[in-house]
Amino acid sequence: KSRIYDFVKIWLGDGLLISNGEKWFKHRKIITPTFHFSILQSF
């Protein structure tokens, strides 16, 4: 992500919005199932 996100990173850290590389890929893989159809029904 571009440099404006450096100022957001102080707040959000290395969450999905900002992280890169292996950490982003790992977290994306973990979090993706949380938006499964059955979970969206409960929301």
All heavy atoms as atom14 arrays in JSON, in Angstrom:
{
  "sequence": "KSRIYDFVKIWLGDGLLISNGEKWFKHRKIITPTFHFSILQSF",
  "atom14_mask": [
    [1, 1, 1, 1, 1, 1, 1, 1, 1, 0, 0, 0, 0, 0],
    [1, 1, 1, 1, 1, 1, 0, 0, 0, 0, 0, 0, 0, 0],
    [1, 1, 1, 1, 1, 1, 1, 1, 1, 1, 1, 0, 0, 0],
    [1, 1, 1, 1, 1, 1, 1, 1, 0, 0, 0, 0, 0, 0],
    [1, 1, 1, 1, 1, 1, 1, 1, 1, 1, 1, 1, 0, 0],
    [1, 1, 1, 1, 1, 1, 1, 1, 0, 0, 0, 0, 0, 0],
    [1, 1, 1, 1, 1, 1, 1, 1, 1, 1, 1, 0, 0, 0],
    [1, 1, 1, 1, 1, 1, 1, 0, 0, 0, 0, 0, 0, 0],
    [1, 1, 1, 1, 1, 1, 1, 1, 1, 0, 0, 0, 0, 0],
    [1, 1, 1, 1, 1, 1, 1, 1, 0, 0, 0, 0, 0, 0],
    [1, 1, 1, 1, 1, 1, 1, 1, 1, 1, 1, 1, 1, 1],
    [1, 1, 1, 1, 1, 1, 1, 1, 0, 0, 0, 0, 0, 0],
    [1, 1, 1, 1, 0, 0, 0, 0, 0, 0, 0, 0, 0, 0],
    [1, 1, 1, 1, 1, 1, 1, 1, 0, 0, 0, 0, 0, 0],
    [1, 1, 1, 1, 0, 0, 0, 0, 0, 0, 0, 0, 0, 0],
    [1, 1, 1, 1, 1, 1, 1, 1, 0, 0, 0, 0, 0, 0],
    [1, 1, 1, 1, 1, 1, 1, 1, 0, 0, 0, 0, 0, 0],
    [1, 1, 1, 1, 1, 1, 1, 1, 0, 0, 0, 0, 0, 0],
    [1, 1, 1, 1, 1, 1, 0, 0, 0, 0, 0, 0, 0, 0],
    [1, 1, 1, 1, 1, 1, 1, 1, 0, 0, 0, 0, 0, 0],
    [1, 1, 1, 1, 0, 0, 0, 0, 0, 0, 0, 0, 0, 0],
    [1, 1, 1, 1, 1, 1, 1, 1, 1, 0, 0, 0, 0, 0],
    [1, 1, 1, 1, 1, 1, 1, 1, 1, 0, 0, 0, 0, 0],
    [1, 1, 1, 1, 1, 1, 1, 1, 1, 1, 1, 1, 1, 1],
    [1, 1, 1, 1, 1, 1, 1, 1, 1, 1, 1, 0, 0, 0],
    [1, 1, 1, 1, 1, 1, 1, 1, 1, 0, 0, 0, 0, 0],
    [1, 1, 1, 1, 1, 1, 1, 1, 1, 1, 0, 0, 0, 0],
    [1, 1, 1, 1, 1, 1, 1, 1, 1, 1, 1, 0, 0, 0],
    [1, 1, 1, 1, 1, 1, 1, 1, 1, 0, 0, 0, 0, 0],
    [1, 1, 1, 1, 1, 1, 1, 1, 0, 0, 0, 0, 0, 0],
    [1, 1, 1, 1, 1, 1, 1, 1, 0, 0, 0, 0, 0, 0],
    [1, 1, 1, 1, 1, 1, 1, 0, 0, 0, 0, 0, 0, 0],
    [1, 1, 1, 1, 1, 1, 1, 0, 0, 0, 0, 0, 0, 0],
    [1, 1, 1, 1, 1, 1, 1, 0, 0, 0, 0, 0, 0, 0],
    [1, 1, 1, 1, 1, 1, 1, 1, 1, 1, 1, 0, 0, 0],
    [1, 1, 1, 1, 1, 1, 1, 1, 1, 1, 0, 0, 0, 0],
    [1, 1, 1, 1, 1, 1, 1, 1, 1, 1, 1, 0, 0, 0],
    [1, 1, 1, 1, 1, 1, 0, 0, 0, 0, 0, 0, 0, 0],
    [1, 1, 1, 1, 1, 1, 1, 1, 0, 0, 0, 0, 0, 0],
    [1, 1, 1, 1, 1, 1, 1, 1, 0, 0, 0, 0, 0, 0],
    [1, 1, 1, 1, 1, 1, 1, 1, 1, 0, 0, 0, 0, 0],
    [1, 1, 1, 1, 1, 1, 0, 0, 0, 0, 0, 0, 0, 0],
    [1, 1, 1, 1, 1, 1, 1, 1, 1, 1, 1, 0, 0, 0]
  ],
  "atom14_positions": [
    [[0.83, -1.2, 0.0], [0.0, 0.0, 0.0], [0.87, 1.26, 0.0], [2.02, 1.24, 0.45], [-0.92, 0.0, 1.22], [-1.97, -1.12, 1.22], [-2.95, -0.94, 0.07], [-4.07, -1.97, 0.1], [-5.11, -1.68, 1.06], [0.0, 0.0, 0.0], [0.0, 0.0, 0.0], [0.0, 0.0, 0.0], [0.0, 0.0, 0.0], [0.0, 0.0, 0.0]],
    [[0.31, 2.37, -0.48], [1.08, 3.61, -0.62], [1.3, 4.3, 0.72], [0.81, 3.86, 1.76], [0.39, 4.56, -1.6], [-0.89, 4.91, -1.13], [0.0, 0.0, 0.0], [0.0, 0.0, 0.0], [0.0, 0.0, 0.0], [0.0, 0.0, 0.0], [0.0, 0.0, 0.0], [0.0, 0.0, 0.0], [0.0, 0.0, 0.0], [0.0, 0.0, 0.0]],
    [[2.0, 5.42, 0.67], [2.54, 6.02, 1.9], [1.49, 6.61, 2.83], [1.75, 6.75, 4.02], [3.59, 7.08, 1.53], [4.82, 6.45, 0.88], [5.91, 7.45, 0.53], [7.0, 6.75, -0.12], [7.13, 6.62, -1.44], [6.22, 7.17, -2.24], [8.15, 5.98, -1.97], [0.0, 0.0, 0.0], [0.0, 0.0, 0.0], [0.0, 0.0, 0.0]],
    [[0.33, 6.98, 2.3], [-0.69, 7.51, 3.22], [-1.08, 6.46, 4.25], [-1.44, 6.76, 5.39], [-1.95, 8.01, 2.46], [-2.87, 8.75, 3.43], [-2.67, 6.87, 1.75], [-4.03, 9.45, 2.79], [0.0, 0.0, 0.0], [0.0, 0.0, 0.0], [0.0, 0.0, 0.0], [0.0, 0.0, 0.0], [0.0, 0.0, 0.0], [0.0, 0.0, 0.0]],
    [[-0.96, 5.17, 3.86], [-1.3, 4.1, 4.79], [-0.29, 3.98, 5.92], [-0.57, 3.34, 6.93], [-1.42, 2.76, 4.04], [-2.55, 2.73, 3.04], [-2.34, 3.07, 1.71], [-3.84, 2.38, 3.44], [-3.39, 3.04, 0.79], [-4.89, 2.36, 2.52], [-4.65, 2.7, 1.2], [-5.68, 2.69, 0.3], [0.0, 0.0, 0.0], [0.0, 0.0, 0.0]],
    [[0.91, 4.59, 5.76], [1.87, 4.59, 6.86], [1.28, 5.29, 8.08], [1.54, 4.92, 9.22], [3.16, 5.31, 6.44], [3.95, 4.54, 5.39], [3.66, 3.34, 5.2], [4.85, 5.14, 4.77], [0.0, 0.0, 0.0], [0.0, 0.0, 0.0], [0.0, 0.0, 0.0], [0.0, 0.0, 0.0], [0.0, 0.0, 0.0], [0.0, 0.0, 0.0]],
    [[0.48, 6.33, 7.81], [-0.12, 7.07, 8.92], [-1.32, 6.32, 9.5], [-1.66, 6.49, 10.67], [-0.55, 8.46, 8.43], [0.56, 9.22, 7.76], [0.35, 9.85, 6.55], [1.82, 9.29, 8.33], [1.38, 10.54, 5.91], [2.86, 9.97, 7.71], [2.64, 10.6, 6.5], [0.0, 0.0, 0.0], [0.0, 0.0, 0.0], [0.0, 0.0, 0.0]],
    [[-1.97, 5.49, 8.68], [-3.06, 4.65, 9.16], [-2.5, 3.46, 9.95], [-3.11, 2.97, 10.9], [-3.92, 4.14, 7.98], [-5.1, 3.31, 8.48], [-4.43, 5.31, 7.14], [0.0, 0.0, 0.0], [0.0, 0.0, 0.0], [0.0, 0.0, 0.0], [0.0, 0.0, 0.0], [0.0, 0.0, 0.0], [0.0, 0.0, 0.0], [0.0, 0.0, 0.0]],
    [[-1.31, 3.01, 9.53], [-0.69, 1.82, 10.14], [-0.44, 2.02, 11.63], [-0.49, 1.06, 12.41], [0.62, 1.51, 9.42], [1.28, 0.22, 9.88], [2.5, -0.11, 9.03], [3.1, -1.44, 9.47], [4.24, -1.85, 8.63], [0.0, 0.0, 0.0], [0.0, 0.0, 0.0], [0.0, 0.0, 0.0], [0.0, 0.0, 0.0], [0.0, 0.0, 0.0]],
    [[-0.18, 3.25, 12.05], [0.03, 3.53, 13.47], [-1.18, 3.08, 14.27], [-1.08, 2.63, 15.41], [0.31, 5.03, 13.69], [1.5, 5.48, 12.84], [0.58, 5.33, 15.16], [1.68, 6.99, 12.78], [0.0, 0.0, 0.0], [0.0, 0.0, 0.0], [0.0, 0.0, 0.0], [0.0, 0.0, 0.0], [0.0, 0.0, 0.0], [0.0, 0.0, 0.0]],
    [[-2.35, 3.2, 13.65], [-3.61, 2.79, 14.3], [-3.9, 1.31, 14.07], [-4.13, 0.56, 15.01], [-4.74, 3.66, 13.75], [-6.13, 3.27, 14.14], [-6.53, 2.46, 15.17], [-7.35, 3.7, 13.49], [-7.9, 2.34, 15.2], [-8.43, 3.1, 14.19], [-7.63, 4.53, 12.42], [-9.76, 3.3, 13.81], [-8.95, 4.74, 12.06], [-9.99, 4.13, 12.75]],
    [[-3.86, 0.87, 12.81], [-4.35, -0.47, 12.46], [-3.26, -1.54, 12.46], [-3.58, -2.72, 12.35], [-5.02, -0.44, 11.08], [-6.16, 0.57, 10.9], [-6.75, 0.45, 9.51], [-7.24, 0.38, 11.96], [0.0, 0.0, 0.0], [0.0, 0.0, 0.0], [0.0, 0.0, 0.0], [0.0, 0.0, 0.0], [0.0, 0.0, 0.0], [0.0, 0.0, 0.0]],
    [[-1.99, -1.14, 12.56], [-0.92, -2.12, 12.55], [-0.87, -2.89, 11.24], [-1.16, -2.35, 10.17], [0.0, 0.0, 0.0], [0.0, 0.0, 0.0], [0.0, 0.0, 0.0], [0.0, 0.0, 0.0], [0.0, 0.0, 0.0], [0.0, 0.0, 0.0], [0.0, 0.0, 0.0], [0.0, 0.0, 0.0], [0.0, 0.0, 0.0], [0.0, 0.0, 0.0]],
    [[-0.55, -4.17, 11.33], [-0.43, -5.01, 10.14], [-1.68, -5.85, 9.91], [-1.6, -7.05, 9.64], [0.8, -5.93, 10.24], [2.08, -5.19, 9.89], [2.02, -4.35, 8.98], [3.11, -5.43, 10.53], [0.0, 0.0, 0.0], [0.0, 0.0, 0.0], [0.0, 0.0, 0.0], [0.0, 0.0, 0.0], [0.0, 0.0, 0.0], [0.0, 0.0, 0.0]],
    [[-2.86, -5.21, 10.0], [-4.09, -5.9, 9.65], [-4.17, -6.07, 8.14], [-3.3, -5.6, 7.39], [0.0, 0.0, 0.0], [0.0, 0.0, 0.0], [0.0, 0.0, 0.0], [0.0, 0.0, 0.0], [0.0, 0.0, 0.0], [0.0, 0.0, 0.0], [0.0, 0.0, 0.0], [0.0, 0.0, 0.0], [0.0, 0.0, 0.0], [0.0, 0.0, 0.0]],
    [[-5.23, -6.71, 7.67], [-5.35, -7.04, 6.25], [-5.26, -5.82, 5.34], [-4.77, -5.92, 4.22], [-6.7, -7.74, 5.98], [-6.74, -9.26, 6.08], [-8.12, -9.75, 5.69], [-5.68, -9.91, 5.19], [0.0, 0.0, 0.0], [0.0, 0.0, 0.0], [0.0, 0.0, 0.0], [0.0, 0.0, 0.0], [0.0, 0.0, 0.0], [0.0, 0.0, 0.0]],
    [[-5.72, -4.68, 5.81], [-5.71, -3.49, 4.95], [-4.3, -3.09, 4.56], [-4.07, -2.62, 3.45], [-6.39, -2.32, 5.68], [-6.4, -0.97, 4.95], [-7.25, -1.05, 3.69], [-6.88, 0.14, 5.87], [0.0, 0.0, 0.0], [0.0, 0.0, 0.0], [0.0, 0.0, 0.0], [0.0, 0.0, 0.0], [0.0, 0.0, 0.0], [0.0, 0.0, 0.0]],
    [[-3.33, -3.29, 5.47], [-2.0, -2.71, 5.29], [-0.89, -3.75, 5.1], [0.07, -3.5, 4.38], [-1.68, -1.79, 6.49], [-2.67, -0.62, 6.51], [-0.25, -1.28, 6.44], [-2.63, 0.19, 7.76], [0.0, 0.0, 0.0], [0.0, 0.0, 0.0], [0.0, 0.0, 0.0], [0.0, 0.0, 0.0], [0.0, 0.0, 0.0], [0.0, 0.0, 0.0]],
    [[-1.02, -4.91, 5.72], [0.08, -5.89, 5.71], [0.43, -6.34, 4.3], [-0.36, -6.19, 3.36], [-0.28, -7.1, 6.58], [-1.44, -7.74, 6.09], [0.0, 0.0, 0.0], [0.0, 0.0, 0.0], [0.0, 0.0, 0.0], [0.0, 0.0, 0.0], [0.0, 0.0, 0.0], [0.0, 0.0, 0.0], [0.0, 0.0, 0.0], [0.0, 0.0, 0.0]],
    [[1.61, -6.91, 4.16], [2.1, -7.36, 2.85], [2.7, -8.76, 2.96], [2.88, -9.3, 4.05], [3.19, -6.39, 2.34], [2.66, -5.01, 2.06], [1.83, -4.83, 1.19], [3.13, -4.03, 2.81], [0.0, 0.0, 0.0], [0.0, 0.0, 0.0], [0.0, 0.0, 0.0], [0.0, 0.0, 0.0], [0.0, 0.0, 0.0], [0.0, 0.0, 0.0]],
    [[3.03, -9.31, 1.79], [3.81, -10.53, 1.74], [3.16, -11.72, 2.43], [1.94, -11.91, 2.4], [0.0, 0.0, 0.0], [0.0, 0.0, 0.0], [0.0, 0.0, 0.0], [0.0, 0.0, 0.0], [0.0, 0.0, 0.0], [0.0, 0.0, 0.0], [0.0, 0.0, 0.0], [0.0, 0.0, 0.0], [0.0, 0.0, 0.0], [0.0, 0.0, 0.0]],
    [[3.99, -12.49, 3.1], [3.56, -13.74, 3.71], [2.5, -13.52, 4.79], [1.56, -14.29, 4.93], [4.76, -14.48, 4.29], [4.46, -15.86, 4.85], [3.9, -16.82, 3.81], [4.27, -16.72, 2.62], [3.07, -17.69, 4.19], [0.0, 0.0, 0.0], [0.0, 0.0, 0.0], [0.0, 0.0, 0.0], [0.0, 0.0, 0.0], [0.0, 0.0, 0.0]],
    [[2.68, -12.44, 5.57], [1.72, -12.17, 6.64], [0.34, -11.88, 6.07], [-0.67, -12.39, 6.57], [2.19, -11.0, 7.5], [1.26, -10.71, 8.68], [1.86, -9.73, 9.66], [0.97, -9.59, 10.89], [1.55, -8.67, 11.9], [0.0, 0.0, 0.0], [0.0, 0.0, 0.0], [0.0, 0.0, 0.0], [0.0, 0.0, 0.0], [0.0, 0.0, 0.0]],
    [[0.28, -11.05, 5.02], [-1.01, -10.74, 4.4], [-1.65, -12.02, 3.86], [-2.84, -12.26, 4.08], [-0.83, -9.74, 3.26], [-2.11, -9.49, 2.51], [-3.1, -8.63, 2.85], [-2.56, -10.18, 1.33], [-4.14, -8.71, 1.95], [-3.83, -9.66, 1.01], [-2.01, -11.17, 0.53], [-4.57, -10.1, -0.09], [-2.73, -11.62, -0.57], [-3.99, -11.08, -0.88]],
    [[-0.87, -12.83, 3.15], [-1.4, -14.05, 2.56], [-1.93, -15.0, 3.64], [-3.02, -15.57, 3.5], [-0.31, -14.74, 1.73], [-0.78, -15.99, 1.02], [-1.5, -15.91, -0.16], [-0.52, -17.25, 1.55], [-1.95, -17.05, -0.82], [-0.96, -18.4, 0.91], [-1.67, -18.3, -0.27], [0.0, 0.0, 0.0], [0.0, 0.0, 0.0], [0.0, 0.0, 0.0]],
    [[-1.17, -15.15, 4.71], [-1.57, -16.03, 5.81], [-2.87, -15.56, 6.46], [-3.8, -16.35, 6.67], [-0.45, -16.08, 6.85], [-0.78, -16.82, 8.14], [0.34, -16.63, 9.16], [-0.08, -17.1, 10.53], [0.95, -16.8, 11.56], [0.0, 0.0, 0.0], [0.0, 0.0, 0.0], [0.0, 0.0, 0.0], [0.0, 0.0, 0.0], [0.0, 0.0, 0.0]],
    [[-2.95, -14.27, 6.76], [-4.14, -13.73, 7.42], [-5.35, -13.77, 6.49], [-6.47, -14.04, 6.94], [-3.87, -12.3, 7.9], [-3.04, -12.25, 9.13], [-3.15, -11.25, 10.08], [-2.07, -13.07, 9.59], [-2.31, -11.46, 11.06], [-1.62, -12.55, 10.77], [0.0, 0.0, 0.0], [0.0, 0.0, 0.0], [0.0, 0.0, 0.0], [0.0, 0.0, 0.0]],
    [[-5.14, -13.49, 5.21], [-6.25, -13.54, 4.25], [-6.83, -14.96, 4.2], [-8.05, -15.15, 4.16], [-5.74, -13.13, 2.86], [-6.78, -13.19, 1.75], [-7.49, -11.89, 1.57], [-8.46, -11.94, 0.49], [-9.01, -10.89, -0.09], [-8.69, -9.68, 0.3], [-9.89, -11.01, -1.06], [0.0, 0.0, 0.0], [0.0, 0.0, 0.0], [0.0, 0.0, 0.0]],
    [[-5.94, -15.96, 4.23], [-6.38, -17.34, 4.17], [-7.16, -17.73, 5.43], [-8.16, -18.46, 5.37], [-5.15, -18.25, 4.03], [-5.46, -19.7, 3.71], [-4.18, -20.48, 3.45], [-4.49, -21.95, 3.14], [-3.25, -22.72, 2.9], [0.0, 0.0, 0.0], [0.0, 0.0, 0.0], [0.0, 0.0, 0.0], [0.0, 0.0, 0.0], [0.0, 0.0, 0.0]],
    [[-6.74, -17.22, 6.58], [-7.41, -17.52, 7.85], [-8.78, -16.84, 7.91], [-9.77, -17.42, 8.35], [-6.55, -17.06, 9.05], [-5.27, -17.9, 9.14], [-7.34, -17.15, 10.36], [-4.25, -17.31, 10.1], [0.0, 0.0, 0.0], [0.0, 0.0, 0.0], [0.0, 0.0, 0.0], [0.0, 0.0, 0.0], [0.0, 0.0, 0.0], [0.0, 0.0, 0.0]],
    [[-8.85, -15.6, 7.43], [-10.05, -14.77, 7.62], [-11.12, -15.05, 6.57], [-12.32, -14.91, 6.85], [-9.65, -13.28, 7.64], [-8.83, -13.0, 8.9], [-10.86, -12.37, 7.58], [-8.16, -11.64, 8.91], [0.0, 0.0, 0.0], [0.0, 0.0, 0.0], [0.0, 0.0, 0.0], [0.0, 0.0, 0.0], [0.0, 0.0, 0.0], [0.0, 0.0, 0.0]],
    [[-10.72, -15.47, 5.37], [-11.7, -15.68, 4.29], [-12.89, -16.55, 4.71], [-14.04, -16.2, 4.4], [-11.0, -16.27, 3.05], [-10.06, -15.31, 2.55], [-12.01, -16.6, 1.96], [0.0, 0.0, 0.0], [0.0, 0.0, 0.0], [0.0, 0.0, 0.0], [0.0, 0.0, 0.0], [0.0, 0.0, 0.0], [0.0, 0.0, 0.0], [0.0, 0.0, 0.0]],
    [[-12.69, -17.67, 5.42], [-13.85, -18.5, 5.81], [-14.85, -17.81, 6.73], [-15.99, -18.26, 6.85], [-13.19, -19.7, 6.52], [-11.79, -19.74, 6.01], [-11.41, -18.32, 5.78], [0.0, 0.0, 0.0], [0.0, 0.0, 0.0], [0.0, 0.0, 0.0], [0.0, 0.0, 0.0], [0.0, 0.0, 0.0], [0.0, 0.0, 0.0], [0.0, 0.0, 0.0]],
    [[-14.43, -16.71, 7.38], [-15.36, -16.02, 8.28], [-16.48, -15.31, 7.51], [-17.44, -14.84, 8.12], [-14.63, -14.98, 9.17], [-14.08, -13.96, 8.34], [-13.52, -15.64, 9.96], [0.0, 0.0, 0.0], [0.0, 0.0, 0.0], [0.0, 0.0, 0.0], [0.0, 0.0, 0.0], [0.0, 0.0, 0.0], [0.0, 0.0, 0.0], [0.0, 0.0, 0.0]],
    [[-16.35, -15.24, 6.19], [-17.4, -14.63, 5.38], [-18.14, -15.68, 4.56], [-18.7, -15.39, 3.5], [-16.81, -13.54, 4.48], [-16.33, -12.36, 5.27], [-14.99, -12.24, 5.6], [-17.21, -11.4, 5.72], [-14.54, -11.17, 6.35], [-16.78, -10.32, 6.47], [-15.45, -10.21, 6.79], [0.0, 0.0, 0.0], [0.0, 0.0, 0.0], [0.0, 0.0, 0.0]],
    [[-18.15, -16.89, 5.07], [-18.91, -17.98, 4.43], [-20.4, -17.67, 4.52], [-20.87, -16.96, 5.42], [-18.6, -19.3, 5.13], [-19.21, -20.5, 4.47], [-20.46, -20.96, 4.81], [-18.75, -21.32, 3.51], [-20.75, -22.02, 4.06], [-19.72, -22.26, 3.27], [0.0, 0.0, 0.0], [0.0, 0.0, 0.0], [0.0, 0.0, 0.0], [0.0, 0.0, 0.0]],
    [[-21.15, -18.2, 3.57], [-22.59, -17.93, 3.48], [-23.31, -18.17, 4.81], [-24.14, -17.36, 5.23], [-23.2, -18.81, 2.39], [-24.68, -18.6, 2.18], [-25.15, -17.51, 1.46], [-25.6, -19.49, 2.73], [-26.51, -17.32, 1.28], [-26.96, -19.3, 2.56], [-27.42, -18.21, 1.83], [0.0, 0.0, 0.0], [0.0, 0.0, 0.0], [0.0, 0.0, 0.0]],
    [[-22.99, -19.28, 5.48], [-23.7, -19.62, 6.73], [-23.42, -18.59, 7.82], [-24.3, -18.29, 8.64], [-23.26, -21.01, 7.21], [-21.87, -21.04, 7.45], [0.0, 0.0, 0.0], [0.0, 0.0, 0.0], [0.0, 0.0, 0.0], [0.0, 0.0, 0.0], [0.0, 0.0, 0.0], [0.0, 0.0, 0.0], [0.0, 0.0, 0.0], [0.0, 0.0, 0.0]],
    [[-22.21, -18.02, 7.83], [-21.88, -17.01, 8.84], [-22.56, -15.69, 8.5], [-23.04, -14.96, 9.38], [-20.35, -16.85, 8.96], [-19.75, -18.15, 9.49], [-19.98, -15.68, 9.86], [-18.25, -18.23, 9.44], [0.0, 0.0, 0.0], [0.0, 0.0, 0.0], [0.0, 0.0, 0.0], [0.0, 0.0, 0.0], [0.0, 0.0, 0.0], [0.0, 0.0, 0.0]],
    [[-22.64, -15.37, 7.21], [-23.34, -14.16, 6.8], [-24.82, -14.21, 7.2], [-25.42, -13.18, 7.51], [-23.22, -13.96, 5.28], [-21.84, -13.53, 4.77], [-21.79, -13.56, 3.25], [-21.47, -12.14, 5.27], [0.0, 0.0, 0.0], [0.0, 0.0, 0.0], [0.0, 0.0, 0.0], [0.0, 0.0, 0.0], [0.0, 0.0, 0.0], [0.0, 0.0, 0.0]],
    [[-25.39, -15.41, 7.22], [-26.79, -15.55, 7.66], [-26.95, -15.11, 9.11], [-27.95, -14.48, 9.46], [-27.23, -17.01, 7.5], [-27.61, -17.37, 6.07], [-28.17, -18.78, 5.98], [-27.57, -19.74, 6.47], [-29.32, -18.91, 5.34], [0.0, 0.0, 0.0], [0.0, 0.0, 0.0], [0.0, 0.0, 0.0], [0.0, 0.0, 0.0], [0.0, 0.0, 0.0]],
    [[-25.98, -15.46, 9.95], [-26.08, -15.06, 11.36], [-25.9, -13.55, 11.52], [-26.5, -12.92, 12.39], [-25.04, -15.81, 12.21], [-23.73, -15.4, 11.9], [0.0, 0.0, 0.0], [0.0, 0.0, 0.0], [0.0, 0.0, 0.0], [0.0, 0.0, 0.0], [0.0, 0.0, 0.0], [0.0, 0.0, 0.0], [0.0, 0.0, 0.0], [0.0, 0.0, 0.0]],
    [[-25.07, -12.94, 10.66], [-24.91, -11.49, 10.71], [-26.2, -10.78, 10.31], [-26.43, -9.64, 10.7], [-23.77, -11.05, 9.77], [-22.39, -11.38, 10.28], [-21.36, -11.67, 9.4], [-22.1, -11.39, 11.63], [-20.09, -11.96, 9.84], [-20.83, -11.67, 12.1], [-19.83, -11.96, 11.21], [0.0, 0.0, 0.0], [0.0, 0.0, 0.0], [0.0, 0.0, 0.0]]
  ]
}
